[in-house]
Amino acid sequence: MLLKLVVFLVKVKLILASTPIIIPEGEDLTRINATTSEWLSRTCGITDERNGRRYPWAVSILYFGENKLGGTIISPYHILTAAHGFVKFSNYMYIYETFSRTSCVIWRLRTKKDLDLRMVAYGGDCINEESQSQGCAHPHMMFNRIKAVLLDFDFATGHCVNGHDWAIIEVENPIKFDANIRPICLPKPMQEIETKLTVAGWGRIFGRKDNRIRGIPLKYAPKCLIPFPDTRPKNVPDYLCAKPLNYVNLCHGHSGAGLVQSDSQNRSTIVGLTSFGSKGCPADETTVFTKVSIYLHEICYFTGVCYSL
């Protein structure tokens, strides 16, 4: 017990040394108490498809009504997503099409005004009225504003291709859980990655916008082989890779969405956050995710969601 406490205190010191970025400046994230964290450990990752939805933890970050980013609910206040959705690059297309080690040039962070133009949508499967009118099984979306976003500072200093592509969104009003809205489970520190994985989101399919949530099946790719001529680094500690099972790959709009696995009890755990893939979203190519288990101490420290440690 004493050894665990020492390890935790060392982790806290390292976390504080790296100084995360919070937008807007001066804002602090709400930290849930131990009782709520324990309750989350008992209720997370459970679906009720008879009365609810298949992916009740999935959210869409909307910009003027269009899906721009995915995310995953982990508490009544907090959503895990990708850091790159809240950083504006001066050479965005060059970064995400060539993946050069030195190509990332940050113009600025998103501002409070930028956050106010975005909405968090959850609780339904369709994100606009057109798709809702076409027989969507769960059309009723809930909407919430973004109160604050915490970014990993090392994402910016690592030229955007050396990992750390994770962020925590805090919503303005606490999320109320029901059969359609539930939190995902966080992984254990040494979580074993299953062969079959899923990403659920509203990203493009074969290059076309999709206003309904889709679950994309993937297979774990432990060797993280990056296709030629991509120049992405391959041996980054927080990388986790997967490839599509049926030639439907992740694409624009899937960024930030959770990479999820289920156990024998059909309980779901988030193991990764969608970070980036190859130019053009080709079928059967590797997608890179941020490994969530590496950041459990940071998540615990800033949100109070500590049950997996």
C-alpha atoms as a PDB file:
ATOM      1  CA  MET A   1       0.000   0.000   0.000  1.00  0.00           C
ATOM      2  CA  LEU A   2       2.851   2.378   0.915  1.00  0.00           C
ATOM      3  CA  LEU A   3       4.659   1.550  -2.324  1.00  0.00           C
ATOM      4  CA  LYS A   4       1.515   2.386  -4.344  1.00  0.00           C
ATOM      5  CA  LEU A   5       1.244   5.737  -2.555  1.00  0.00           C
ATOM      6  CA  VAL A   6       4.896   6.576  -3.291  1.00  0.00           C
ATOM      7  CA  VAL A   7       4.458   5.671  -6.965  1.00  0.00           C
ATOM      8  CA  PHE A   8       1.316   7.819  -7.163  1.00  0.00           C
ATOM      9  CA  LEU A   9       3.078  10.824  -5.564  1.00  0.00           C
ATOM     10  CA  VAL A  10       5.974  10.502  -8.013  1.00  0.00           C
ATOM     11  CA  LYS A  11       3.477  10.403 -10.892  1.00  0.00           C
ATOM     12  CA  VAL A  12       1.756  13.528  -9.531  1.00  0.00           C
ATOM     13  CA  LYS A  13       5.102  15.350  -9.394  1.00  0.00           C
ATOM     14  CA  LEU A  14       5.789  14.441 -13.029  1.00  0.00           C
ATOM     15  CA  ILE A  15       2.272  15.499 -14.053  1.00  0.00           C
ATOM     16  CA  LEU A  16       2.663  18.901 -12.418  1.00  0.00           C
ATOM     17  CA  ALA A  17       6.119  19.328 -13.979  1.00  0.00           C
ATOM     18  CA  SER A  18       4.685  18.951 -17.489  1.00  0.00           C
ATOM     19  CA  THR A  19       1.970  21.582 -16.788  1.00  0.00           C
ATOM     20  CA  PRO A  20      -1.081  20.782 -18.925  1.00  0.00           C
ATOM     21  CA  ILE A  21      -2.836  23.443 -20.958  1.00  0.00           C
ATOM     22  CA  ILE A  22      -6.413  24.279 -20.026  1.00  0.00           C
ATOM     23  CA  ILE A  23      -8.687  26.252 -22.322  1.00  0.00           C
ATOM     24  CA  PRO A  24      -9.871  28.814 -21.333  1.00  0.00           C
ATOM     25  CA  GLU A  25      -6.876  29.992 -19.335  1.00  0.00           C
ATOM     26  CA  GLY A  26      -7.544  30.129 -15.611  1.00  0.00           C
ATOM     27  CA  GLU A  27     -10.253  27.464 -15.682  1.00  0.00           C
ATOM     28  CA  ASP A  28      -9.935  24.282 -13.608  1.00  0.00           C
ATOM     29  CA  LEU A  29     -11.590  20.948 -14.284  1.00  0.00           C
ATOM     30  CA  THR A  30     -14.219  19.629 -11.883  1.00  0.00           C
ATOM     31  CA  ARG A  31     -12.871  16.701  -9.872  1.00  0.00           C
ATOM     32  CA  ILE A  32     -15.392  14.051  -8.845  1.00  0.00           C
ATOM     33  CA  ASN A  33     -15.204  12.527  -5.362  1.00  0.00           C
ATOM     34  CA  ALA A  34     -14.164   8.977  -4.447  1.00  0.00           C
ATOM     35  CA  THR A  35     -17.772   7.848  -3.990  1.00  0.00           C
ATOM     36  CA  THR A  36     -18.687   8.855  -7.545  1.00  0.00           C
ATOM     37  CA  SER A  37     -15.527   7.246  -8.897  1.00  0.00           C
ATOM     38  CA  GLU A  38     -16.419   3.979  -7.148  1.00  0.00           C
ATOM     39  CA  TRP A  39     -19.964   4.164  -8.514  1.00  0.00           C
ATOM     40  CA  LEU A  40     -18.564   4.619 -12.022  1.00  0.00           C
ATOM     41  CA  SER A  41     -16.462   1.478 -11.575  1.00  0.00           C
ATOM     42  CA  ARG A  42     -19.656  -0.539 -10.978  1.00  0.00           C
ATOM     43  CA  THR A  43     -21.754   0.967 -13.767  1.00  0.00           C
ATOM     44  CA  CYS A  44     -19.303   1.747 -16.584  1.00  0.00           C
ATOM     45  CA  GLY A  45     -19.161  -0.124 -19.882  1.00  0.00           C
ATOM     46  CA  ILE A  46     -22.587  -1.738 -19.580  1.00  0.00           C
ATOM     47  CA  THR A  47     -25.083  -1.511 -22.433  1.00  0.00           C
ATOM     48  CA  ASP A  48     -28.820  -2.162 -22.460  1.00  0.00           C
ATOM     49  CA  GLU A  49     -29.614  -2.655 -26.139  1.00  0.00           C
ATOM     50  CA  ARG A  50     -33.183  -3.731 -25.430  1.00  0.00           C
ATOM     51  CA  ASN A  51     -34.054  -0.334 -23.995  1.00  0.00           C
ATOM     52  CA  GLY A  52     -31.095   1.753 -25.074  1.00  0.00           C
ATOM     53  CA  ARG A  53     -28.224   2.146 -27.528  1.00  0.00           C
ATOM     54  CA  ARG A  54     -25.294   0.001 -28.556  1.00  0.00           C
ATOM     55  CA  TYR A  55     -22.684   2.752 -28.017  1.00  0.00           C
ATOM     56  CA  PRO A  56     -24.112   4.908 -25.206  1.00  0.00           C
ATOM     57  CA  TRP A  57     -20.728   6.475 -24.331  1.00  0.00           C
ATOM     58  CA  ALA A  58     -19.952   7.846 -27.807  1.00  0.00           C
ATOM     59  CA  VAL A  59     -20.205  11.599 -28.402  1.00  0.00           C
ATOM     60  CA  SER A  60     -19.874  13.886 -31.404  1.00  0.00           C
ATOM     61  CA  ILE A  61     -18.272  17.311 -31.178  1.00  0.00           C
ATOM     62  CA  LEU A  62     -20.296  19.468 -33.559  1.00  0.00           C
ATOM     63  CA  TYR A  63     -19.215  22.645 -35.317  1.00  0.00           C
ATOM     64  CA  PHE A  64     -22.182  24.476 -36.831  1.00  0.00           C
ATOM     65  CA  GLY A  65     -24.150  21.224 -36.717  1.00  0.00           C
ATOM     66  CA  GLU A  66     -21.527  19.022 -38.414  1.00  0.00           C
ATOM     67  CA  ASN A  67     -19.495  16.297 -36.759  1.00  0.00           C
ATOM     68  CA  LYS A  68     -15.854  17.335 -36.433  1.00  0.00           C
ATOM     69  CA  LEU A  69     -14.505  15.155 -33.649  1.00  0.00           C
ATOM     70  CA  GLY A  70     -15.409  12.085 -31.637  1.00  0.00           C
ATOM     71  CA  GLY A  71     -15.154  11.460 -27.926  1.00  0.00           C
ATOM     72  CA  THR A  72     -16.039   9.065 -25.120  1.00  0.00           C
ATOM     73  CA  ILE A  73     -17.839   9.741 -21.833  1.00  0.00           C
ATOM     74  CA  ILE A  74     -15.938   8.667 -18.693  1.00  0.00           C
ATOM     75  CA  SER A  75     -17.868  10.581 -15.986  1.00  0.00           C
ATOM     76  CA  PRO A  76     -20.839  12.956 -15.613  1.00  0.00           C
ATOM     77  CA  TYR A  77     -18.464  15.827 -16.426  1.00  0.00           C
ATOM     78  CA  HIS A  78     -15.646  14.415 -18.526  1.00  0.00           C
ATOM     79  CA  ILE A  79     -15.068  13.198 -22.081  1.00  0.00           C
ATOM     80  CA  LEU A  80     -11.840  11.752 -23.508  1.00  0.00           C
ATOM     81  CA  THR A  81     -10.882  12.871 -27.001  1.00  0.00           C
ATOM     82  CA  ALA A  82      -7.875  13.847 -29.181  1.00  0.00           C
ATOM     83  CA  ALA A  83      -5.747  16.927 -28.475  1.00  0.00           C
ATOM     84  CA  HIS A  84      -5.329  17.829 -32.148  1.00  0.00           C
ATOM     85  CA  GLY A  85      -8.989  18.826 -32.347  1.00  0.00           C
ATOM     86  CA  PHE A  86      -8.265  21.820 -30.118  1.00  0.00           C
ATOM     87  CA  VAL A  87      -5.068  23.052 -31.748  1.00  0.00           C
ATOM     88  CA  LYS A  88      -5.017  25.094 -34.944  1.00  0.00           C
ATOM     89  CA  PHE A  89      -2.075  24.378 -37.230  1.00  0.00           C
ATOM     90  CA  SER A  90      -0.565  26.722 -39.785  1.00  0.00           C
ATOM     91  CA  ASN A  91       0.204  23.732 -42.043  1.00  0.00           C
ATOM     92  CA  TYR A  92      -2.555  21.286 -41.075  1.00  0.00           C
ATOM     93  CA  MET A  93      -2.874  19.452 -44.396  1.00  0.00           C
ATOM     94  CA  TYR A  94       0.863  18.994 -44.714  1.00  0.00           C
ATOM     95  CA  ILE A  95       1.077  17.420 -41.267  1.00  0.00           C
ATOM     96  CA  TYR A  96      -1.689  14.905 -41.701  1.00  0.00           C
ATOM     97  CA  GLU A  97      -0.820  13.913 -45.244  1.00  0.00           C
ATOM     98  CA  THR A  98       2.955  13.460 -44.995  1.00  0.00           C
ATOM     99  CA  PHE A  99       3.515  12.943 -41.257  1.00  0.00           C
ATOM    100  CA  SER A 100       6.920  14.596 -41.324  1.00  0.00           C
ATOM    101  CA  ARG A 101       8.690  14.638 -37.960  1.00  0.00           C
ATOM    102  CA  THR A 102       9.279  18.392 -38.195  1.00  0.00           C
ATOM    103  CA  SER A 103       6.127  19.478 -39.999  1.00  0.00           C
ATOM    104  CA  CYS A 104       3.949  20.466 -37.041  1.00  0.00           C
ATOM    105  CA  VAL A 105       3.678  24.217 -36.699  1.00  0.00           C
ATOM    106  CA  ILE A 106       1.024  25.364 -34.260  1.00  0.00           C
ATOM    107  CA  TRP A 107      -0.576  28.645 -35.140  1.00  0.00           C
ATOM    108  CA  ARG A 108      -2.590  28.876 -31.933  1.00  0.00           C
ATOM    109  CA  LEU A 109      -4.707  26.966 -29.456  1.00  0.00           C
ATOM    110  CA  ARG A 110      -8.454  27.042 -29.753  1.00  0.00           C
ATOM    111  CA  THR A 111      -9.949  29.903 -27.768  1.00  0.00           C
ATOM    112  CA  LYS A 112     -12.975  30.228 -25.498  1.00  0.00           C
ATOM    113  CA  LYS A 113     -14.813  31.671 -28.507  1.00  0.00           C
ATOM    114  CA  ASP A 114     -13.884  28.572 -30.530  1.00  0.00           C
ATOM    115  CA  LEU A 115     -15.212  26.331 -27.753  1.00  0.00           C
ATOM    116  CA  ASP A 116     -18.472  28.292 -27.647  1.00  0.00           C
ATOM    117  CA  LEU A 117     -19.015  27.532 -31.361  1.00  0.00           C
ATOM    118  CA  ARG A 118     -18.879  23.791 -30.657  1.00  0.00           C
ATOM    119  CA  MET A 119     -21.498  21.544 -29.083  1.00  0.00           C
ATOM    120  CA  VAL A 120     -21.216  18.081 -27.551  1.00  0.00           C
ATOM    121  CA  ALA A 121     -23.949  15.754 -28.881  1.00  0.00           C
ATOM    122  CA  TYR A 122     -24.790  12.441 -27.181  1.00  0.00           C
ATOM    123  CA  GLY A 123     -27.678  10.128 -26.341  1.00  0.00           C
ATOM    124  CA  GLY A 124     -28.813   9.545 -29.940  1.00  0.00           C
ATOM    125  CA  ASP A 125     -27.550   7.862 -33.096  1.00  0.00           C
ATOM    126  CA  CYS A 126     -28.217  10.643 -35.639  1.00  0.00           C
ATOM    127  CA  ILE A 127     -26.867  14.181 -35.580  1.00  0.00           C
ATOM    128  CA  ASN A 128     -29.212  16.050 -37.887  1.00  0.00           C
ATOM    129  CA  GLU A 129     -32.906  16.231 -38.720  1.00  0.00           C
ATOM    130  CA  GLU A 130     -32.498  14.675 -42.182  1.00  0.00           C
ATOM    131  CA  SER A 131     -31.005  11.439 -40.856  1.00  0.00           C
ATOM    132  CA  GLN A 132     -33.447  11.454 -37.941  1.00  0.00           C
ATOM    133  CA  SER A 133     -36.385  11.504 -40.372  1.00  0.00           C
ATOM    134  CA  GLN A 134     -35.017   8.477 -42.239  1.00  0.00           C
ATOM    135  CA  GLY A 135     -35.971   5.920 -39.617  1.00  0.00           C
ATOM    136  CA  CYS A 136     -33.135   6.429 -37.151  1.00  0.00           C
ATOM    137  CA  ALA A 137     -33.662   4.000 -34.253  1.00  0.00           C
ATOM    138  CA  HIS A 138     -32.487   6.477 -31.595  1.00  0.00           C
ATOM    139  CA  PRO A 139     -32.914   9.974 -33.064  1.00  0.00           C
ATOM    140  CA  HIS A 140     -33.083  12.090 -29.920  1.00  0.00           C
ATOM    141  CA  MET A 141     -29.784  13.834 -29.263  1.00  0.00           C
ATOM    142  CA  MET A 142     -28.854  15.712 -26.112  1.00  0.00           C
ATOM    143  CA  PHE A 143     -26.625  18.753 -26.440  1.00  0.00           C
ATOM    144  CA  ASN A 144     -24.142  20.291 -24.030  1.00  0.00           C
ATOM    145  CA  ARG A 145     -21.662  23.120 -24.210  1.00  0.00           C
ATOM    146  CA  ILE A 146     -17.944  22.798 -23.555  1.00  0.00           C
ATOM    147  CA  LYS A 147     -16.871  24.413 -20.304  1.00  0.00           C
ATOM    148  CA  ALA A 148     -13.143  23.645 -20.593  1.00  0.00           C
ATOM    149  CA  VAL A 149     -10.594  21.458 -22.384  1.00  0.00           C
ATOM    150  CA  LEU A 150      -7.368  20.069 -20.909  1.00  0.00           C
ATOM    151  CA  LEU A 151      -4.572  19.343 -23.390  1.00  0.00           C
ATOM    152  CA  ASP A 152      -1.328  17.445 -22.924  1.00  0.00           C
ATOM    153  CA  PHE A 153       1.397  20.068 -23.320  1.00  0.00           C
ATOM    154  CA  ASP A 154       3.808  17.496 -24.752  1.00  0.00           C
ATOM    155  CA  PHE A 155       1.573  17.021 -27.789  1.00  0.00           C
ATOM    156  CA  ALA A 156       2.540  20.488 -28.965  1.00  0.00           C
ATOM    157  CA  THR A 157       6.220  20.224 -28.071  1.00  0.00           C
ATOM    158  CA  GLY A 158       6.546  16.800 -29.709  1.00  0.00           C
ATOM    159  CA  HIS A 159       5.778  18.062 -33.256  1.00  0.00           C
ATOM    160  CA  CYS A 160       2.374  16.350 -33.071  1.00  0.00           C
ATOM    161  CA  VAL A 161       3.665  12.972 -34.229  1.00  0.00           C
ATOM    162  CA  ASN A 162       5.462  11.876 -31.062  1.00  0.00           C
ATOM    163  CA  GLY A 163       2.362  10.890 -29.141  1.00  0.00           C
ATOM    164  CA  HIS A 164       0.432  12.626 -26.345  1.00  0.00           C
ATOM    165  CA  ASP A 165      -2.589  13.164 -28.622  1.00  0.00           C
ATOM    166  CA  TRP A 166      -5.201  13.118 -25.870  1.00  0.00           C
ATOM    167  CA  ALA A 167      -7.425  15.649 -24.169  1.00  0.00           C
ATOM    168  CA  ILE A 168     -10.188  15.899 -21.582  1.00  0.00           C
ATOM    169  CA  ILE A 169     -13.353  17.879 -22.273  1.00  0.00           C
ATOM    170  CA  GLU A 170     -15.473  19.097 -19.374  1.00  0.00           C
ATOM    171  CA  VAL A 171     -19.093  19.819 -20.260  1.00  0.00           C
ATOM    172  CA  GLU A 172     -20.999  22.796 -18.900  1.00  0.00           C
ATOM    173  CA  ASN A 173     -23.832  20.763 -17.351  1.00  0.00           C
ATOM    174  CA  PRO A 174     -23.444  17.313 -15.736  1.00  0.00           C
ATOM    175  CA  ILE A 175     -24.443  14.435 -18.017  1.00  0.00           C
ATOM    176  CA  LYS A 176     -27.441  12.461 -16.780  1.00  0.00           C
ATOM    177  CA  PHE A 177     -27.049   8.741 -17.367  1.00  0.00           C
ATOM    178  CA  ASP A 178     -29.812   6.434 -18.593  1.00  0.00           C
ATOM    179  CA  ALA A 179     -30.153   3.506 -21.022  1.00  0.00           C
ATOM    180  CA  ASN A 180     -29.023   5.742 -23.915  1.00  0.00           C
ATOM    181  CA  ILE A 181     -26.197   7.542 -22.132  1.00  0.00           C
ATOM    182  CA  ARG A 182     -23.555   5.696 -20.117  1.00  0.00           C
ATOM    183  CA  PRO A 183     -19.846   6.045 -19.280  1.00  0.00           C
ATOM    184  CA  ILE A 184     -17.180   3.725 -20.683  1.00  0.00           C
ATOM    185  CA  CYS A 185     -14.777   1.829 -18.410  1.00  0.00           C
ATOM    186  CA  LEU A 186     -11.168   2.996 -18.161  1.00  0.00           C
ATOM    187  CA  PRO A 187      -8.485   0.336 -18.687  1.00  0.00           C
ATOM    188  CA  LYS A 188      -6.151  -1.099 -16.090  1.00  0.00           C
ATOM    189  CA  PRO A 189      -2.530   0.167 -16.065  1.00  0.00           C
ATOM    190  CA  MET A 190      -1.275  -3.011 -17.786  1.00  0.00           C
ATOM    191  CA  GLN A 191      -4.446  -3.674 -19.773  1.00  0.00           C
ATOM    192  CA  GLU A 192      -4.169  -6.543 -22.225  1.00  0.00           C
ATOM    193  CA  ILE A 193      -5.381  -5.538 -25.685  1.00  0.00           C
ATOM    194  CA  GLU A 194      -7.894  -7.911 -27.262  1.00  0.00           C
ATOM    195  CA  THR A 195      -7.700  -8.948 -30.905  1.00  0.00           C
ATOM    196  CA  LYS A 196     -11.140  -7.580 -31.840  1.00  0.00           C
ATOM    197  CA  LEU A 197     -11.758  -3.881 -31.288  1.00  0.00           C
ATOM    198  CA  THR A 198     -14.380  -1.312 -32.288  1.00  0.00           C
ATOM    199  CA  VAL A 199     -14.515   2.425 -32.929  1.00  0.00           C
ATOM    200  CA  ALA A 200     -17.982   4.003 -32.885  1.00  0.00           C
ATOM    201  CA  GLY A 201     -18.476   7.460 -34.353  1.00  0.00           C
ATOM    202  CA  TRP A 202     -19.857   9.718 -37.036  1.00  0.00           C
ATOM    203  CA  GLY A 203     -16.742   9.988 -39.232  1.00  0.00           C
ATOM    204  CA  ARG A 204     -16.720   9.696 -43.005  1.00  0.00           C
ATOM    205  CA  ILE A 205     -17.255   6.309 -44.628  1.00  0.00           C
ATOM    206  CA  PHE A 206     -15.486   5.844 -47.991  1.00  0.00           C
ATOM    207  CA  GLY A 207     -14.923   9.603 -47.998  1.00  0.00           C
ATOM    208  CA  ARG A 208     -18.604  10.475 -47.573  1.00  0.00           C
ATOM    209  CA  LYS A 209     -20.186  12.169 -44.576  1.00  0.00           C
ATOM    210  CA  ASP A 210     -22.268   9.911 -42.372  1.00  0.00           C
ATOM    211  CA  ASN A 211     -24.768  11.448 -39.977  1.00  0.00           C
ATOM    212  CA  ARG A 212     -25.527   8.154 -38.240  1.00  0.00           C
ATOM    213  CA  ILE A 213     -23.240   6.504 -35.756  1.00  0.00           C
ATOM    214  CA  ARG A 214     -21.346   3.500 -37.138  1.00  0.00           C
ATOM    215  CA  GLY A 215     -19.390   0.873 -35.291  1.00  0.00           C
ATOM    216  CA  ILE A 216     -16.216   0.091 -37.255  1.00  0.00           C
ATOM    217  CA  PRO A 217     -14.698  -3.324 -36.386  1.00  0.00           C
ATOM    218  CA  LEU A 218     -10.908  -3.468 -36.241  1.00  0.00           C
ATOM    219  CA  LYS A 219      -8.175  -5.936 -35.377  1.00  0.00           C
ATOM    220  CA  TYR A 220      -5.275  -5.169 -33.075  1.00  0.00           C
ATOM    221  CA  ALA A 221      -1.971  -4.633 -34.912  1.00  0.00           C
ATOM    222  CA  PRO A 222       0.740  -5.027 -32.250  1.00  0.00           C
ATOM    223  CA  LYS A 223       3.646  -4.404 -34.644  1.00  0.00           C
ATOM    224  CA  CYS A 224       2.178  -1.069 -35.735  1.00  0.00           C
ATOM    225  CA  LEU A 225       3.467  -1.354 -39.302  1.00  0.00           C
ATOM    226  CA  ILE A 226       3.185   1.978 -41.130  1.00  0.00           C
ATOM    227  CA  PRO A 227       2.790   1.752 -44.932  1.00  0.00           C
ATOM    228  CA  PHE A 228       5.404   3.258 -47.266  1.00  0.00           C
ATOM    229  CA  PRO A 229       5.891   6.189 -47.943  1.00  0.00           C
ATOM    230  CA  ASP A 230       4.504   7.477 -44.619  1.00  0.00           C
ATOM    231  CA  THR A 231       7.279   8.843 -42.416  1.00  0.00           C
ATOM    232  CA  ARG A 232       5.472   8.533 -39.089  1.00  0.00           C
ATOM    233  CA  PRO A 233       7.628   7.290 -36.201  1.00  0.00           C
ATOM    234  CA  LYS A 234       6.749   3.735 -35.223  1.00  0.00           C
ATOM    235  CA  ASN A 235       8.122   3.229 -31.728  1.00  0.00           C
ATOM    236  CA  VAL A 236       6.289   5.891 -29.726  1.00  0.00           C
ATOM    237  CA  PRO A 237       5.407   4.551 -26.233  1.00  0.00           C
ATOM    238  CA  ASP A 238       1.774   5.660 -26.297  1.00  0.00           C
ATOM    239  CA  TYR A 239       0.956   4.425 -29.798  1.00  0.00           C
ATOM    240  CA  LEU A 240      -1.545   1.612 -30.241  1.00  0.00           C
ATOM    241  CA  CYS A 241      -2.397   0.434 -33.734  1.00  0.00           C
ATOM    242  CA  ALA A 242      -5.283  -1.367 -35.414  1.00  0.00           C
ATOM    243  CA  LYS A 243      -6.447  -2.254 -38.917  1.00  0.00           C
ATOM    244  CA  PRO A 244      -9.999  -2.635 -40.287  1.00  0.00           C
ATOM    245  CA  LEU A 245     -11.585  -6.066 -40.379  1.00  0.00           C
ATOM    246  CA  ASN A 246     -13.846  -5.505 -43.381  1.00  0.00           C
ATOM    247  CA  TYR A 247     -12.093  -2.836 -45.506  1.00  0.00           C
ATOM    248  CA  VAL A 248     -14.121   0.018 -43.970  1.00  0.00           C
ATOM    249  CA  ASN A 249     -11.484   2.265 -42.416  1.00  0.00           C
ATOM    250  CA  LEU A 250     -11.627   5.252 -40.111  1.00  0.00           C
ATOM    251  CA  CYS A 251     -11.506   8.690 -41.711  1.00  0.00           C
ATOM    252  CA  HIS A 252     -12.095  12.406 -41.097  1.00  0.00           C
ATOM    253  CA  GLY A 253     -14.458  12.932 -38.175  1.00  0.00           C
ATOM    254  CA  HIS A 254     -13.408   9.761 -36.352  1.00  0.00           C
ATOM    255  CA  SER A 255     -10.513  11.551 -34.633  1.00  0.00           C
ATOM    256  CA  GLY A 256     -10.898  11.446 -30.862  1.00  0.00           C
ATOM    257  CA  ALA A 257     -13.357   8.533 -30.916  1.00  0.00           C
ATOM    258  CA  GLY A 258     -12.639   5.698 -28.504  1.00  0.00           C
ATOM    259  CA  LEU A 259     -11.059   2.385 -29.455  1.00  0.00           C
ATOM    260  CA  VAL A 260     -13.095  -0.075 -27.387  1.00  0.00           C
ATOM    261  CA  GLN A 261     -12.910  -3.749 -26.457  1.00  0.00           C
ATOM    262  CA  SER A 262     -15.442  -5.963 -24.679  1.00  0.00           C
ATOM    263  CA  ASP A 263     -14.855  -8.779 -22.199  1.00  0.00           C
ATOM    264  CA  SER A 264     -16.653 -12.101 -21.787  1.00  0.00           C
ATOM    265  CA  GLN A 265     -19.387 -10.348 -19.786  1.00  0.00           C
ATOM    266  CA  ASN A 266     -19.902  -7.918 -22.684  1.00  0.00           C
ATOM    267  CA  ARG A 267     -18.540  -5.061 -20.605  1.00  0.00           C
ATOM    268  CA  SER A 268     -16.703  -2.440 -22.639  1.00  0.00           C
ATOM    269  CA  THR A 269     -13.397  -0.693 -21.927  1.00  0.00           C
ATOM    270  CA  ILE A 270     -11.719   2.141 -23.794  1.00  0.00           C
ATOM    271  CA  VAL A 271      -8.113   1.306 -24.696  1.00  0.00           C
ATOM    272  CA  GLY A 272      -7.285   3.998 -27.264  1.00  0.00           C
ATOM    273  CA  LEU A 273      -8.218   7.362 -28.775  1.00  0.00           C
ATOM    274  CA  THR A 274      -8.261   7.757 -32.563  1.00  0.00           C
ATOM    275  CA  SER A 275      -5.271   9.908 -33.529  1.00  0.00           C
ATOM    276  CA  PHE A 276      -4.352   9.601 -37.231  1.00  0.00           C
ATOM    277  CA  GLY A 277      -4.106   7.362 -40.278  1.00  0.00           C
ATOM    278  CA  SER A 278      -2.832   7.399 -43.848  1.00  0.00           C
ATOM    279  CA  LYS A 279      -3.681   9.987 -46.485  1.00  0.00           C
ATOM    280  CA  GLY A 280      -7.035   9.284 -48.133  1.00  0.00           C
ATOM    281  CA  CYS A 281      -8.148   6.794 -45.441  1.00  0.00           C
ATOM    282  CA  PRO A 282      -7.279   3.715 -47.546  1.00  0.00           C
ATOM    283  CA  ALA A 283      -8.879   0.403 -46.671  1.00  0.00           C
ATOM    284  CA  ASP A 284      -6.768  -2.144 -44.813  1.00  0.00           C
ATOM    285  CA  GLU A 285      -4.175   0.392 -43.656  1.00  0.00           C
ATOM    286  CA  THR A 286      -3.038   1.020 -40.100  1.00  0.00           C
ATOM    287  CA  THR A 287      -4.669   3.632 -37.884  1.00  0.00           C
ATOM    288  CA  VAL A 288      -2.753   5.006 -34.906  1.00  0.00           C
ATOM    289  CA  PHE A 289      -4.426   5.489 -31.520  1.00  0.00           C
ATOM    290  CA  THR A 290      -3.264   7.035 -28.268  1.00  0.00           C
ATOM    291  CA  LYS A 291      -2.991   4.341 -25.587  1.00  0.00           C
ATOM    292  CA  VAL A 292      -5.239   5.423 -22.702  1.00  0.00           C
ATOM    293  CA  SER A 293      -3.595   3.268 -20.022  1.00  0.00           C
ATOM    294  CA  ILE A 294      -0.442   5.417 -20.140  1.00  0.00           C
ATOM    295  CA  TYR A 295      -2.394   8.473 -18.960  1.00  0.00           C
ATOM    296  CA  LEU A 296      -4.463   6.980 -16.117  1.00  0.00           C
ATOM    297  CA  HIS A 297      -2.620   8.942 -13.435  1.00  0.00           C
ATOM    298  CA  GLU A 298      -3.193  12.208 -15.280  1.00  0.00           C
ATOM    299  CA  ILE A 299      -6.871  11.355 -15.787  1.00  0.00           C
ATOM    300  CA  CYS A 300      -7.192  10.493 -12.084  1.00  0.00           C
ATOM    301  CA  TYR A 301      -5.410  13.645 -10.925  1.00  0.00           C
ATOM    302  CA  PHE A 302      -7.452  16.088 -12.996  1.00  0.00           C
ATOM    303  CA  THR A 303     -10.887  14.410 -13.027  1.00  0.00           C
ATOM    304  CA  GLY A 304     -11.046  12.210  -9.917  1.00  0.00           C
ATOM    305  CA  VAL A 305     -11.863   9.155 -12.082  1.00  0.00           C
ATOM    306  CA  CYS A 306      -9.371   6.905 -10.279  1.00  0.00           C
ATOM    307  CA  TYR A 307     -11.021   3.483  -9.967  1.00  0.00           C
ATOM    308  CA  SER A 308      -8.771   1.736 -12.479  1.00  0.00           C
ATOM    309  CA  LEU A 309      -5.527   2.485 -10.583  1.00  0.00           C
END
